[in-house]
Structure formats: C-alpha cells, structure tokens
Amino acid sequence: MTSQSQGIQQLLQAEKRAKDKLEEAKKRKGKRLKQAKEEAIAEIDHYRLQREKEFRNKQTNVMGSQGNLSAKIEEQTTETIRNLTGSYHKNMESMMKKLLSTICDINPEVHQNFRQAA
C-alpha cells in the first residue's frame, strides 16, 4: 500500500511540476507576445515617420514651385497695375480735353443729303 501511495504522491508531484511548467510557459508566451506587439508598434511608428518625411519632402518640392509661381504672378500683376496707373495719370489730362472739345465744340452744318423743298 505504501508503494501505491508513494506512486500516487509521485504522480501528484509530477502533475504539479507539469502544471507549474505550463504556467511558466504561458507567462513566457504572454511576455513574448507583449514584446512582439511593442516591437511591431515601434516598427510601424518608424515606418510612418519615414513615409511622412518623404511626403513632406515631395510636398515641399511641389508647393515650393507653386509658391514661386504665385509670387511671380503677384509681382507681374503689381507691375501691370503700376504701369496702368502711370499711364492713366499721364494721359488723363489730354483725354479730358479731347472729350470736352468733342462734346462742347459743336459746328452746326446742314447734312449733304438734305434736300431743300423747292
């Protein structure tokens, strides 16, 4: 009987050791999964930062050229407005005189197609 009880004790101890090893393996697996998740998140963040940097570089290249075009167009517009304003001030006096003389200096004449009643 004692041999049976020793055998049962050995089986219980073996079962307990197996259970402990299983718990330890589960803990290691949980730690490894957590570590893998952290590594994946770090890799994703690194990839995202890299892609955002590339995007910003491309955006700067494209927008930079558009910014130059916009500045150039703005400069041309300002120059055109300045030229038109200068031309207006330079020619305003003579144009006003021409308009007033055309309107105010009336020479009444009989039209060449007018027939007098006889």
PDB file of N, CA and C in Angstrom:
ATOM      1  N   MET A   1       0.788  -1.176   0.000  1.00  0.00           N
ATOM      2  CA  MET A   1       0.000   0.000   0.000  1.00  0.00           C
ATOM      3  C   MET A   1       0.846   1.263   0.000  1.00  0.00           C
ATOM      4  N   THR A   2       1.917   1.211   0.730  1.00  0.00           N
ATOM      5  CA  THR A   2       2.783   2.367   0.753  1.00  0.00           C
ATOM      6  C   THR A   2       3.419   2.612  -0.601  1.00  0.00           C
ATOM      7  N   SER A   3       3.624   1.555  -1.335  1.00  0.00           N
ATOM      8  CA  SER A   3       4.200   1.756  -2.658  1.00  0.00           C
ATOM      9  C   SER A   3       3.177   2.409  -3.571  1.00  0.00           C
ATOM     10  N   GLN A   4       1.906   2.057  -3.378  1.00  0.00           N
ATOM     11  CA  GLN A   4       0.868   2.695  -4.178  1.00  0.00           C
ATOM     12  C   GLN A   4       0.736   4.164  -3.786  1.00  0.00           C
ATOM     13  N   SER A   5       0.801   4.408  -2.479  1.00  0.00           N
ATOM     14  CA  SER A   5       0.689   5.780  -2.028  1.00  0.00           C
ATOM     15  C   SER A   5       1.896   6.591  -2.474  1.00  0.00           C
ATOM     16  N   GLN A   6       3.081   5.969  -2.484  1.00  0.00           N
ATOM     17  CA  GLN A   6       4.266   6.677  -2.994  1.00  0.00           C
ATOM     18  C   GLN A   6       4.111   6.943  -4.488  1.00  0.00           C
ATOM     19  N   GLY A   7       3.574   6.003  -5.222  1.00  0.00           N
ATOM     20  CA  GLY A   7       3.349   6.169  -6.655  1.00  0.00           C
ATOM     21  C   GLY A   7       2.362   7.291  -6.923  1.00  0.00           C
ATOM     22  N   ILE A   8       1.284   7.350  -6.089  1.00  0.00           N
ATOM     23  CA  ILE A   8       0.301   8.422  -6.242  1.00  0.00           C
ATOM     24  C   ILE A   8       0.939   9.754  -5.924  1.00  0.00           C
ATOM     25  N   GLN A   9       1.746   9.783  -4.860  1.00  0.00           N
ATOM     26  CA  GLN A   9       2.444  11.018  -4.482  1.00  0.00           C
ATOM     27  C   GLN A   9       3.364  11.462  -5.610  1.00  0.00           C
ATOM     28  N   GLN A  10       4.061  10.525  -6.199  1.00  0.00           N
ATOM     29  CA  GLN A  10       4.970  10.863  -7.309  1.00  0.00           C
ATOM     30  C   GLN A  10       4.171  11.407  -8.504  1.00  0.00           C
ATOM     31  N   LEU A  11       3.026  10.762  -8.760  1.00  0.00           N
ATOM     32  CA  LEU A  11       2.183  11.233  -9.863  1.00  0.00           C
ATOM     33  C   LEU A  11       1.647  12.644  -9.579  1.00  0.00           C
ATOM     34  N   LEU A  12       1.229  12.894  -8.347  1.00  0.00           N
ATOM     35  CA  LEU A  12       0.731  14.221  -7.979  1.00  0.00           C
ATOM     36  C   LEU A  12       1.830  15.273  -8.098  1.00  0.00           C
ATOM     37  N   GLN A  13       3.038  14.877  -7.631  1.00  0.00           N
ATOM     38  CA  GLN A  13       4.170  15.807  -7.730  1.00  0.00           C
ATOM     39  C   GLN A  13       4.513  16.066  -9.204  1.00  0.00           C
ATOM     40  N   ALA A  14       4.505  15.039 -10.020  1.00  0.00           N
ATOM     41  CA  ALA A  14       4.795  15.186 -11.449  1.00  0.00           C
ATOM     42  C   ALA A  14       3.727  16.065 -12.108  1.00  0.00           C
ATOM     43  N   GLU A  15       2.479  15.834 -11.715  1.00  0.00           N
ATOM     44  CA  GLU A  15       1.396  16.659 -12.252  1.00  0.00           C
ATOM     45  C   GLU A  15       1.566  18.116 -11.847  1.00  0.00           C
ATOM     46  N   LYS A  16       1.957  18.344 -10.585  1.00  0.00           N
ATOM     47  CA  LYS A  16       2.185  19.715 -10.099  1.00  0.00           C
ATOM     48  C   LYS A  16       3.332  20.367 -10.849  1.00  0.00           C
ATOM     49  N   ARG A  17       4.421  19.634 -11.059  1.00  0.00           N
ATOM     50  CA  ARG A  17       5.569  20.179 -11.812  1.00  0.00           C
ATOM     51  C   ARG A  17       5.149  20.503 -13.249  1.00  0.00           C
ATOM     52  N   ALA A  18       4.355  19.644 -13.853  1.00  0.00           N
ATOM     53  CA  ALA A  18       3.892  19.882 -15.220  1.00  0.00           C
ATOM     54  C   ALA A  18       2.995  21.119 -15.262  1.00  0.00           C
ATOM     55  N   LYS A  19       2.146  21.225 -14.248  1.00  0.00           N
ATOM     56  CA  LYS A  19       1.267  22.382 -14.167  1.00  0.00           C
ATOM     57  C   LYS A  19       2.072  23.665 -13.997  1.00  0.00           C
ATOM     58  N   ASP A  20       3.104  23.631 -13.151  1.00  0.00           N
ATOM     59  CA  ASP A  20       3.975  24.797 -12.957  1.00  0.00           C
ATOM     60  C   ASP A  20       4.709  25.163 -14.252  1.00  0.00           C
ATOM     61  N   LYS A  21       5.202  24.111 -14.937  1.00  0.00           N
ATOM     62  CA  LYS A  21       5.908  24.365 -16.198  1.00  0.00           C
ATOM     63  C   LYS A  21       4.952  24.968 -17.240  1.00  0.00           C
ATOM     64  N   LEU A  22       3.722  24.474 -17.238  1.00  0.00           N
ATOM     65  CA  LEU A  22       2.727  25.002 -18.167  1.00  0.00           C
ATOM     66  C   LEU A  22       2.417  26.461 -17.856  1.00  0.00           C
ATOM     67  N   GLU A  23       2.251  26.795 -16.588  1.00  0.00           N
ATOM     68  CA  GLU A  23       2.006  28.187 -16.183  1.00  0.00           C
ATOM     69  C   GLU A  23       3.188  29.078 -16.561  1.00  0.00           C
ATOM     70  N   GLU A  24       4.383  28.571 -16.320  1.00  0.00           N
ATOM     71  CA  GLU A  24       5.591  29.339 -16.665  1.00  0.00           C
ATOM     72  C   GLU A  24       5.669  29.554 -18.180  1.00  0.00           C
ATOM     73  N   ALA A  25       5.329  28.534 -18.959  1.00  0.00           N
ATOM     74  CA  ALA A  25       5.347  28.655 -20.425  1.00  0.00           C
ATOM     75  C   ALA A  25       4.300  29.672 -20.880  1.00  0.00           C
ATOM     76  N   LYS A  26       3.114  29.672 -20.244  1.00  0.00           N
ATOM     77  CA  LYS A  26       2.082  30.644 -20.588  1.00  0.00           C
ATOM     78  C   LYS A  26       2.555  32.065 -20.295  1.00  0.00           C
ATOM     79  N   LYS A  27       3.232  32.233 -19.163  1.00  0.00           N
ATOM     80  CA  LYS A  27       3.763  33.562 -18.807  1.00  0.00           C
ATOM     81  C   LYS A  27       4.802  34.007 -19.827  1.00  0.00           C
ATOM     82  N   ARG A  28       5.709  33.084 -20.194  1.00  0.00           N
ATOM     83  CA  ARG A  28       6.730  33.432 -21.192  1.00  0.00           C
ATOM     84  C   ARG A  28       6.073  33.784 -22.531  1.00  0.00           C
ATOM     85  N   LYS A  29       5.042  33.019 -22.896  1.00  0.00           N
ATOM     86  CA  LYS A  29       4.334  33.282 -24.149  1.00  0.00           C
ATOM     87  C   LYS A  29       3.671  34.659 -24.095  1.00  0.00           C
ATOM     88  N   GLY A  30       3.039  34.993 -22.972  1.00  0.00           N
ATOM     89  CA  GLY A  30       2.403  36.305 -22.817  1.00  0.00           C
ATOM     90  C   GLY A  30       3.418  37.431 -22.905  1.00  0.00           C
ATOM     91  N   LYS A  31       4.576  37.234 -22.229  1.00  0.00           N
ATOM     92  CA  LYS A  31       5.640  38.245 -22.292  1.00  0.00           C
ATOM     93  C   LYS A  31       6.149  38.398 -23.716  1.00  0.00           C
ATOM     94  N   ARG A  32       6.332  37.265 -24.399  1.00  0.00           N
ATOM     95  CA  ARG A  32       6.853  37.312 -25.772  1.00  0.00           C
ATOM     96  C   ARG A  32       5.850  37.992 -26.703  1.00  0.00           C
ATOM     97  N   LEU A  33       4.550  37.709 -26.526  1.00  0.00           N
ATOM     98  CA  LEU A  33       3.531  38.373 -27.344  1.00  0.00           C
ATOM     99  C   LEU A  33       3.520  39.873 -27.088  1.00  0.00           C
ATOM    100  N   LYS A  34       3.639  40.246 -25.818  1.00  0.00           N
ATOM    101  CA  LYS A  34       3.667  41.664 -25.476  1.00  0.00           C
ATOM    102  C   LYS A  34       4.889  42.339 -26.091  1.00  0.00           C
ATOM    103  N   GLN A  35       6.042  41.659 -25.998  1.00  0.00           N
ATOM    104  CA  GLN A  35       7.274  42.206 -26.578  1.00  0.00           C
ATOM    105  C   GLN A  35       7.150  42.319 -28.094  1.00  0.00           C
ATOM    106  N   ALA A  36       6.562  41.301 -28.741  1.00  0.00           N
ATOM    107  CA  ALA A  36       6.397  41.338 -30.194  1.00  0.00           C
ATOM    108  C   ALA A  36       5.456  42.478 -30.591  1.00  0.00           C
ATOM    109  N   LYS A  37       4.407  42.677 -29.796  1.00  0.00           N
ATOM    110  CA  LYS A  37       3.474  43.766 -30.081  1.00  0.00           C
ATOM    111  C   LYS A  37       4.177  45.109 -29.968  1.00  0.00           C
ATOM    112  N   GLU A  38       4.987  45.298 -28.936  1.00  0.00           N
ATOM    113  CA  GLU A  38       5.730  46.552 -28.761  1.00  0.00           C
ATOM    114  C   GLU A  38       6.708  46.772 -29.906  1.00  0.00           C
ATOM    115  N   GLU A  39       7.384  45.695 -30.332  1.00  0.00           N
ATOM    116  CA  GLU A  39       8.311  45.811 -31.459  1.00  0.00           C
ATOM    117  C   GLU A  39       7.571  46.179 -32.739  1.00  0.00           C
ATOM    118  N   ALA A  40       6.391  45.584 -32.944  1.00  0.00           N
ATOM    119  CA  ALA A  40       5.601  45.889 -34.144  1.00  0.00           C
ATOM    120  C   ALA A  40       5.137  47.342 -34.125  1.00  0.00           C
ATOM    121  N   ILE A  41       4.707  47.816 -32.968  1.00  0.00           N
ATOM    122  CA  ILE A  41       4.272  49.209 -32.853  1.00  0.00           C
ATOM    123  C   ILE A  41       5.435  50.153 -33.143  1.00  0.00           C
ATOM    124  N   ALA A  42       6.619  49.825 -32.588  1.00  0.00           N
ATOM    125  CA  ALA A  42       7.802  50.660 -32.834  1.00  0.00           C
ATOM    126  C   ALA A  42       8.149  50.667 -34.325  1.00  0.00           C
ATOM    127  N   GLU A  43       8.067  49.507 -34.968  1.00  0.00           N
ATOM    128  CA  GLU A  43       8.381  49.421 -36.399  1.00  0.00           C
ATOM    129  C   GLU A  43       7.354  50.203 -37.221  1.00  0.00           C
ATOM    130  N   ILE A  44       6.092  50.104 -36.850  1.00  0.00           N
ATOM    131  CA  ILE A  44       5.038  50.854 -37.546  1.00  0.00           C
ATOM    132  C   ILE A  44       5.260  52.354 -37.391  1.00  0.00           C
ATOM    133  N   ASP A  45       5.585  52.793 -36.188  1.00  0.00           N
ATOM    134  CA  ASP A  45       5.853  54.217 -35.958  1.00  0.00           C
ATOM    135  C   ASP A  45       7.034  54.700 -36.786  1.00  0.00           C
ATOM    136  N   HIS A  46       8.081  53.886 -36.832  1.00  0.00           N
ATOM    137  CA  HIS A  46       9.268  54.250 -37.621  1.00  0.00           C
ATOM    138  C   HIS A  46       8.896  54.360 -39.100  1.00  0.00           C
ATOM    139  N   TYR A  47       8.127  53.395 -39.595  1.00  0.00           N
ATOM    140  CA  TYR A  47       7.714  53.414 -40.998  1.00  0.00           C
ATOM    141  C   TYR A  47       6.832  54.634 -41.278  1.00  0.00           C
ATOM    142  N   ARG A  48       5.901  54.921 -40.371  1.00  0.00           N
ATOM    143  CA  ARG A  48       5.007  56.072 -40.547  1.00  0.00           C
ATOM    144  C   ARG A  48       5.818  57.374 -40.591  1.00  0.00           C
ATOM    145  N   LEU A  49       6.763  57.531 -39.678  1.00  0.00           N
ATOM    146  CA  LEU A  49       7.590  58.738 -39.669  1.00  0.00           C
ATOM    147  C   LEU A  49       8.383  58.874 -40.963  1.00  0.00           C
ATOM    148  N   GLN A  50       8.914  57.759 -41.438  1.00  0.00           N
ATOM    149  CA  GLN A  50       9.681  57.777 -42.683  1.00  0.00           C
ATOM    150  C   GLN A  50       8.797  58.206 -43.856  1.00  0.00           C
ATOM    151  N   ARG A  51       7.591  57.637 -43.955  1.00  0.00           N
ATOM    152  CA  ARG A  51       6.690  57.986 -45.048  1.00  0.00           C
ATOM    153  C   ARG A  51       6.213  59.436 -44.948  1.00  0.00           C
ATOM    154  N   GLU A  52       5.951  59.918 -43.740  1.00  0.00           N
ATOM    155  CA  GLU A  52       5.549  61.314 -43.564  1.00  0.00           C
ATOM    156  C   GLU A  52       6.674  62.255 -43.977  1.00  0.00           C
ATOM    157  N   LYS A  53       7.909  61.876 -43.663  1.00  0.00           N
ATOM    158  CA  LYS A  53       9.057  62.700 -44.052  1.00  0.00           C
ATOM    159  C   LYS A  53       9.167  62.760 -45.577  1.00  0.00           C
ATOM    160  N   GLU A  54       9.012  61.616 -46.242  1.00  0.00           N
ATOM    161  CA  GLU A  54       9.047  61.589 -47.706  1.00  0.00           C
ATOM    162  C   GLU A  54       7.909  62.433 -48.285  1.00  0.00           C
ATOM    163  N   PHE A  55       6.727  62.317 -47.697  1.00  0.00           N
ATOM    164  CA  PHE A  55       5.585  63.106 -48.166  1.00  0.00           C
ATOM    165  C   PHE A  55       5.847  64.596 -48.016  1.00  0.00           C
ATOM    166  N   ARG A  56       6.383  65.001 -46.854  1.00  0.00           N
ATOM    167  CA  ARG A  56       6.673  66.422 -46.643  1.00  0.00           C
ATOM    168  C   ARG A  56       7.709  66.925 -47.639  1.00  0.00           C
ATOM    169  N   ASN A  57       8.717  66.090 -47.944  1.00  0.00           N
ATOM    170  CA  ASN A  57       9.723  66.493 -48.932  1.00  0.00           C
ATOM    171  C   ASN A  57       9.087  66.688 -50.308  1.00  0.00           C
ATOM    172  N   LYS A  58       8.242  65.741 -50.713  1.00  0.00           N
ATOM    173  CA  LYS A  58       7.581  65.864 -52.010  1.00  0.00           C
ATOM    174  C   LYS A  58       6.642  67.066 -52.023  1.00  0.00           C
ATOM    175  N   GLN A  59       5.931  67.259 -50.926  1.00  0.00           N
ATOM    176  CA  GLN A  59       5.003  68.389 -50.833  1.00  0.00           C
ATOM    177  C   GLN A  59       5.765  69.703 -50.906  1.00  0.00           C
ATOM    178  N   THR A  60       6.903  69.775 -50.237  1.00  0.00           N
ATOM    179  CA  THR A  60       7.716  70.983 -50.269  1.00  0.00           C
ATOM    180  C   THR A  60       8.212  71.251 -51.688  1.00  0.00           C
ATOM    181  N   ASN A  61       8.626  70.194 -52.389  1.00  0.00           N
ATOM    182  CA  ASN A  61       9.089  70.372 -53.766  1.00  0.00           C
ATOM    183  C   ASN A  61       7.973  70.882 -54.655  1.00  0.00           C
ATOM    184  N   VAL A  62       6.785  70.300 -54.533  1.00  0.00           N
ATOM    185  CA  VAL A  62       5.661  70.705 -55.383  1.00  0.00           C
ATOM    186  C   VAL A  62       5.148  72.077 -54.970  1.00  0.00           C
ATOM    187  N   MET A  63       4.908  72.260 -53.694  1.00  0.00           N
ATOM    188  CA  MET A  63       4.353  73.528 -53.221  1.00  0.00           C
ATOM    189  C   MET A  63       5.371  74.657 -53.355  1.00  0.00           C
ATOM    190  N   GLY A  64       6.641  74.317 -53.223  1.00  0.00           N
ATOM    191  CA  GLY A  64       7.664  75.339 -53.383  1.00  0.00           C
ATOM    192  C   GLY A  64       7.627  75.931 -54.775  1.00  0.00           C
ATOM    193  N   SER A  65       7.486  75.073 -55.788  1.00  0.00           N
ATOM    194  CA  SER A  65       7.434  75.578 -57.157  1.00  0.00           C
ATOM    195  C   SER A  65       6.145  76.355 -57.380  1.00  0.00           C
ATOM    196  N   GLN A  66       5.042  75.914 -56.767  1.00  0.00           N
ATOM    197  CA  GLN A  66       3.799  76.663 -56.890  1.00  0.00           C
ATOM    198  C   GLN A  66       3.899  77.991 -56.155  1.00  0.00           C
ATOM    199  N   GLY A  67       4.594  77.996 -55.032  1.00  0.00           N
ATOM    200  CA  GLY A  67       4.789  79.237 -54.292  1.00  0.00           C
ATOM    201  C   GLY A  67       5.571  80.239 -55.112  1.00  0.00           C
ATOM    202  N   ASN A  68       6.590  79.759 -55.843  1.00  0.00           N
ATOM    203  CA  ASN A  68       7.366  80.639 -56.710  1.00  0.00           C
ATOM    204  C   ASN A  68       6.489  81.186 -57.832  1.00  0.00           C
ATOM    205  N   LEU A  69       5.644  80.349 -58.407  1.00  0.00           N
ATOM    206  CA  LEU A  69       4.749  80.816 -59.463  1.00  0.00           C
ATOM    207  C   LEU A  69       3.788  81.861 -58.928  1.00  0.00           C
ATOM    208  N   SER A  70       3.262  81.612 -57.766  1.00  0.00           N
ATOM    209  CA  SER A  70       2.321  82.567 -57.179  1.00  0.00           C
ATOM    210  C   SER A  70       3.003  83.900 -56.905  1.00  0.00           C
ATOM    211  N   ALA A  71       4.222  83.874 -56.402  1.00  0.00           N
ATOM    212  CA  ALA A  71       4.952  85.116 -56.142  1.00  0.00           C
ATOM    213  C   ALA A  71       5.250  85.833 -57.458  1.00  0.00           C
ATOM    214  N   LYS A  72       5.619  85.065 -58.481  1.00  0.00           N
ATOM    215  CA  LYS A  72       5.918  85.662 -59.782  1.00  0.00           C
ATOM    216  C   LYS A  72       4.667  86.307 -60.380  1.00  0.00           C
ATOM    217  N   ILE A  73       3.526  85.628 -60.304  1.00  0.00           N
ATOM    218  CA  ILE A  73       2.274  86.177 -60.831  1.00  0.00           C
ATOM    219  C   ILE A  73       1.874  87.422 -60.058  1.00  0.00           C
ATOM    220  N   GLU A  74       2.033  87.385 -58.753  1.00  0.00           N
ATOM    221  CA  GLU A  74       1.712  88.548 -57.918  1.00  0.00           C
ATOM    222  C   GLU A  74       2.585  89.741 -58.306  1.00  0.00           C
ATOM    223  N   GLU A  75       3.860  89.487 -58.545  1.00  0.00           N
ATOM    224  CA  GLU A  75       4.781  90.558 -58.942  1.00  0.00           C
ATOM    225  C   GLU A  75       4.388  91.134 -60.303  1.00  0.00           C
ATOM    226  N   GLN A  76       4.043  90.253 -61.265  1.00  0.00           N
ATOM    227  CA  GLN A  76       3.634  90.725 -62.589  1.00  0.00           C
ATOM    228  C   GLN A  76       2.343  91.547 -62.510  1.00  0.00           C
ATOM    229  N   THR A  77       1.413  91.097 -61.681  1.00  0.00           N
ATOM    230  CA  THR A  77       0.156  91.827 -61.516  1.00  0.00           C
ATOM    231  C   THR A  77       0.409  93.211 -60.936  1.00  0.00           C
ATOM    232  N   THR A  78       1.242  93.281 -59.924  1.00  0.00           N
ATOM    233  CA  THR A  78       1.569  94.569 -59.311  1.00  0.00           C
ATOM    234  C   THR A  78       2.231  95.492 -60.327  1.00  0.00           C
ATOM    235  N   GLU A  79       3.135  94.963 -61.127  1.00  0.00           N
ATOM    236  CA  GLU A  79       3.818  95.762 -62.157  1.00  0.00           C
ATOM    237  C   GLU A  79       2.823  96.266 -63.204  1.00  0.00           C
ATOM    238  N   THR A  80       1.894  95.418 -63.622  1.00  0.00           N
ATOM    239  CA  THR A  80       0.877  95.821 -64.608  1.00  0.00           C
ATOM    240  C   THR A  80      -0.011  96.927 -64.049  1.00  0.00           C
ATOM    241  N   ILE A  81      -0.422  96.763 -62.810  1.00  0.00           N
ATOM    242  CA  ILE A  81      -1.258  97.801 -62.175  1.00  0.00           C
ATOM    243  C   ILE A  81      -0.492  99.110 -62.075  1.00  0.00           C
ATOM    244  N   ARG A  82       0.761  99.054 -61.724  1.00  0.00           N
ATOM    245  CA  ARG A  82       1.591 100.262 -61.629  1.00  0.00           C
ATOM    246  C   ARG A  82       1.699 100.938 -62.995  1.00  0.00           C
ATOM    247  N   ASN A  83       1.907 100.134 -64.047  1.00  0.00           N
ATOM    248  CA  ASN A  83       2.003 100.701 -65.404  1.00  0.00           C
ATOM    249  C   ASN A  83       0.688 101.343 -65.835  1.00  0.00           C
ATOM    250  N   LEU A  84      -0.416 100.667 -65.574  1.00  0.00           N
ATOM    251  CA  LEU A  84      -1.719 101.225 -65.959  1.00  0.00           C
ATOM    252  C   LEU A  84      -2.026 102.506 -65.196  1.00  0.00           C
ATOM    253  N   THR A  85      -1.697 102.529 -63.921  1.00  0.00           N
ATOM    254  CA  THR A  85      -1.939 103.737 -63.121  1.00  0.00           C
ATOM    255  C   THR A  85      -1.089 104.896 -63.636  1.00  0.00           C
ATOM    256  N   GLY A  86       0.157 104.622 -63.957  1.00  0.00           N
ATOM    257  CA  GLY A  86       1.036 105.664 -64.505  1.00  0.00           C
ATOM    258  C   GLY A  86       0.518 106.182 -65.834  1.00  0.00           C
ATOM    259  N   SER A  87       0.079 105.265 -66.697  1.00  0.00           N
ATOM    260  CA  SER A  87      -0.457 105.657 -67.994  1.00  0.00           C
ATOM    261  C   SER A  87      -1.726 106.489 -67.821  1.00  0.00           C
ATOM    262  N   TYR A  88      -2.569 106.101 -66.876  1.00  0.00           N
ATOM    263  CA  TYR A  88      -3.792 106.855 -66.595  1.00  0.00           C
ATOM    264  C   TYR A  88      -3.474 108.288 -66.191  1.00  0.00           C
ATOM    265  N   HIS A  89      -2.559 108.429 -65.242  1.00  0.00           N
ATOM    266  CA  HIS A  89      -2.226 109.781 -64.769  1.00  0.00           C
ATOM    267  C   HIS A  89      -1.553 110.605 -65.868  1.00  0.00           C
ATOM    268  N   LYS A  90      -0.769 109.965 -66.707  1.00  0.00           N
ATOM    269  CA  LYS A  90      -0.051 110.674 -67.763  1.00  0.00           C
ATOM    270  C   LYS A  90      -1.013 111.156 -68.861  1.00  0.00           C
ATOM    271  N   ASN A  91      -2.001 110.337 -69.222  1.00  0.00           N
ATOM    272  CA  ASN A  91      -2.875 110.660 -70.346  1.00  0.00           C
ATOM    273  C   ASN A  91      -4.230 111.222 -69.941  1.00  0.00           C
ATOM    274  N   MET A  92      -4.519 111.313 -68.679  1.00  0.00           N
ATOM    275  CA  MET A  92      -5.834 111.752 -68.225  1.00  0.00           C
ATOM    276  C   MET A  92      -6.146 113.173 -68.693  1.00  0.00           C
ATOM    277  N   GLU A  93      -5.230 114.079 -68.533  1.00  0.00           N
ATOM    278  CA  GLU A  93      -5.464 115.498 -68.866  1.00  0.00           C
ATOM    279  C   GLU A  93      -5.768 115.667 -70.362  1.00  0.00           C
ATOM    280  N   SER A  94      -4.948 115.063 -71.214  1.00  0.00           N
ATOM    281  CA  SER A  94      -5.165 115.233 -72.655  1.00  0.00           C
ATOM    282  C   SER A  94      -6.468 114.565 -73.102  1.00  0.00           C
ATOM    283  N   MET A  95      -6.821 113.432 -72.543  1.00  0.00           N
ATOM    284  CA  MET A  95      -8.069 112.763 -72.904  1.00  0.00           C
ATOM    285  C   MET A  95      -9.284 113.573 -72.458  1.00  0.00           C
ATOM    286  N   MET A  96      -9.201 114.178 -71.292  1.00  0.00           N
ATOM    287  CA  MET A  96     -10.313 115.013 -70.820  1.00  0.00           C
ATOM    288  C   MET A  96     -10.512 116.204 -71.761  1.00  0.00           C
ATOM    289  N   LYS A  97      -9.418 116.826 -72.201  1.00  0.00           N
ATOM    290  CA  LYS A  97      -9.517 117.950 -73.136  1.00  0.00           C
ATOM    291  C   LYS A  97     -10.146 117.505 -74.453  1.00  0.00           C
ATOM    292  N   LYS A  98      -9.737 116.338 -74.970  1.00  0.00           N
ATOM    293  CA  LYS A  98     -10.293 115.833 -76.230  1.00  0.00           C
ATOM    294  C   LYS A  98     -11.782 115.552 -76.091  1.00  0.00           C
ATOM    295  N   LEU A  99     -12.169 114.902 -75.004  1.00  0.00           N
ATOM    296  CA  LEU A  99     -13.588 114.599 -74.791  1.00  0.00           C
ATOM    297  C   LEU A  99     -14.416 115.873 -74.670  1.00  0.00           C
ATOM    298  N   LEU A 100     -13.940 116.816 -73.881  1.00  0.00           N
ATOM    299  CA  LEU A 100     -14.684 118.056 -73.700  1.00  0.00           C
ATOM    300  C   LEU A 100     -14.774 118.844 -74.995  1.00  0.00           C
ATOM    301  N   SER A 101     -13.696 118.894 -75.757  1.00  0.00           N
ATOM    302  CA  SER A 101     -13.746 119.636 -77.017  1.00  0.00           C
ATOM    303  C   SER A 101     -14.702 118.963 -77.995  1.00  0.00           C
ATOM    304  N   THR A 102     -14.745 117.624 -78.010  1.00  0.00           N
ATOM    305  CA  THR A 102     -15.664 116.918 -78.911  1.00  0.00           C
ATOM    306  C   THR A 102     -17.109 117.177 -78.516  1.00  0.00           C
ATOM    307  N   ILE A 103     -17.363 117.190 -77.231  1.00  0.00           N
ATOM    308  CA  ILE A 103     -18.732 117.375 -76.748  1.00  0.00           C
ATOM    309  C   ILE A 103     -19.168 118.843 -76.837  1.00  0.00           C
ATOM    310  N   CYS A 104     -18.300 119.739 -76.452  1.00  0.00           N
ATOM    311  CA  CYS A 104     -18.699 121.158 -76.340  1.00  0.00           C
ATOM    312  C   CYS A 104     -18.563 121.944 -77.646  1.00  0.00           C
ATOM    313  N   ASP A 105     -17.645 121.634 -78.494  1.00  0.00           N
ATOM    314  CA  ASP A 105     -17.452 122.385 -79.743  1.00  0.00           C
ATOM    315  C   ASP A 105     -18.355 121.797 -80.826  1.00  0.00           C
ATOM    316  N   ILE A 106     -19.506 122.378 -80.955  1.00  0.00           N
ATOM    317  CA  ILE A 106     -20.485 121.898 -81.926  1.00  0.00           C
ATOM    318  C   ILE A 106     -20.488 122.860 -83.108  1.00  0.00           C
ATOM    319  N   ASN A 107     -20.350 122.353 -84.288  1.00  0.00           N
ATOM    320  CA  ASN A 107     -20.427 123.138 -85.523  1.00  0.00           C
ATOM    321  C   ASN A 107     -21.684 122.707 -86.268  1.00  0.00           C
ATOM    322  N   PRO A 108     -22.722 123.529 -86.200  1.00  0.00           N
ATOM    323  CA  PRO A 108     -23.952 123.143 -86.903  1.00  0.00           C
ATOM    324  C   PRO A 108     -23.751 123.256 -88.405  1.00  0.00           C
ATOM    325  N   GLU A 109     -24.036 122.211 -89.108  1.00  0.00           N
ATOM    326  CA  GLU A 109     -23.911 122.166 -90.567  1.00  0.00           C
ATOM    327  C   GLU A 109     -25.095 121.402 -91.115  1.00  0.00           C
ATOM    328  N   VAL A 110     -25.464 121.730 -92.329  1.00  0.00           N
ATOM    329  CA  VAL A 110     -26.531 121.003 -92.994  1.00  0.00           C
ATOM    330  C   VAL A 110     -25.892 119.780 -93.617  1.00  0.00           C
ATOM    331  N   HIS A 111     -26.563 118.672 -93.426  1.00  0.00           N
ATOM    332  CA  HIS A 111     -26.022 117.419 -93.955  1.00  0.00           C
ATOM    333  C   HIS A 111     -26.100 117.430 -95.462  1.00  0.00           C
ATOM    334  N   GLN A 112     -25.182 116.799 -96.109  1.00  0.00           N
ATOM    335  CA  GLN A 112     -25.085 116.814 -97.562  1.00  0.00           C
ATOM    336  C   GLN A 112     -26.259 116.139 -98.248  1.00  0.00           C
ATOM    337  N   ASN A 113     -26.935 115.245 -97.604  1.00  0.00           N
ATOM    338  CA  ASN A 113     -28.074 114.558 -98.197  1.00  0.00           C
ATOM    339  C   ASN A 113     -29.389 115.313 -98.000  1.00  0.00           C
ATOM    340  N   PHE A 114     -29.354 116.427 -97.283  1.00  0.00           N
ATOM    341  CA  PHE A 114     -30.583 117.191 -97.025  1.00  0.00           C
ATOM    342  C   PHE A 114     -30.992 117.914 -98.294  1.00  0.00           C
ATOM    343  N   ARG A 115     -32.267 117.770 -98.671  1.00  0.00           N
ATOM    344  CA  ARG A 115     -32.769 118.484 -99.855  1.00  0.00           C
ATOM    345  C   ARG A 115     -33.699 119.583 -99.401  1.00  0.00           C
ATOM    346  N   GLN A 116     -33.532 120.656-100.005  1.00  0.00           N
ATOM    347  CA  GLN A 116     -34.412 121.764 -99.667  1.00  0.00           C
ATOM    348  C   GLN A 116     -35.692 121.658-100.481  1.00  0.00           C
ATOM    349  N   ALA A 117     -36.776 121.966 -99.878  1.00  0.00           N
ATOM    350  CA  ALA A 117     -38.055 121.904-100.592  1.00  0.00           C
ATOM    351  C   ALA A 117     -38.133 123.095-101.528  1.00  0.00           C
ATOM    352  N   ALA A 118     -38.435 122.885-102.743  1.00  0.00           N
ATOM    353  CA  ALA A 118     -38.496 123.963-103.687  1.00  0.00           C
ATOM    354  C   ALA A 118     -39.851 124.416-104.033  1.00  0.00           C
TER     355      ALA A 118
END
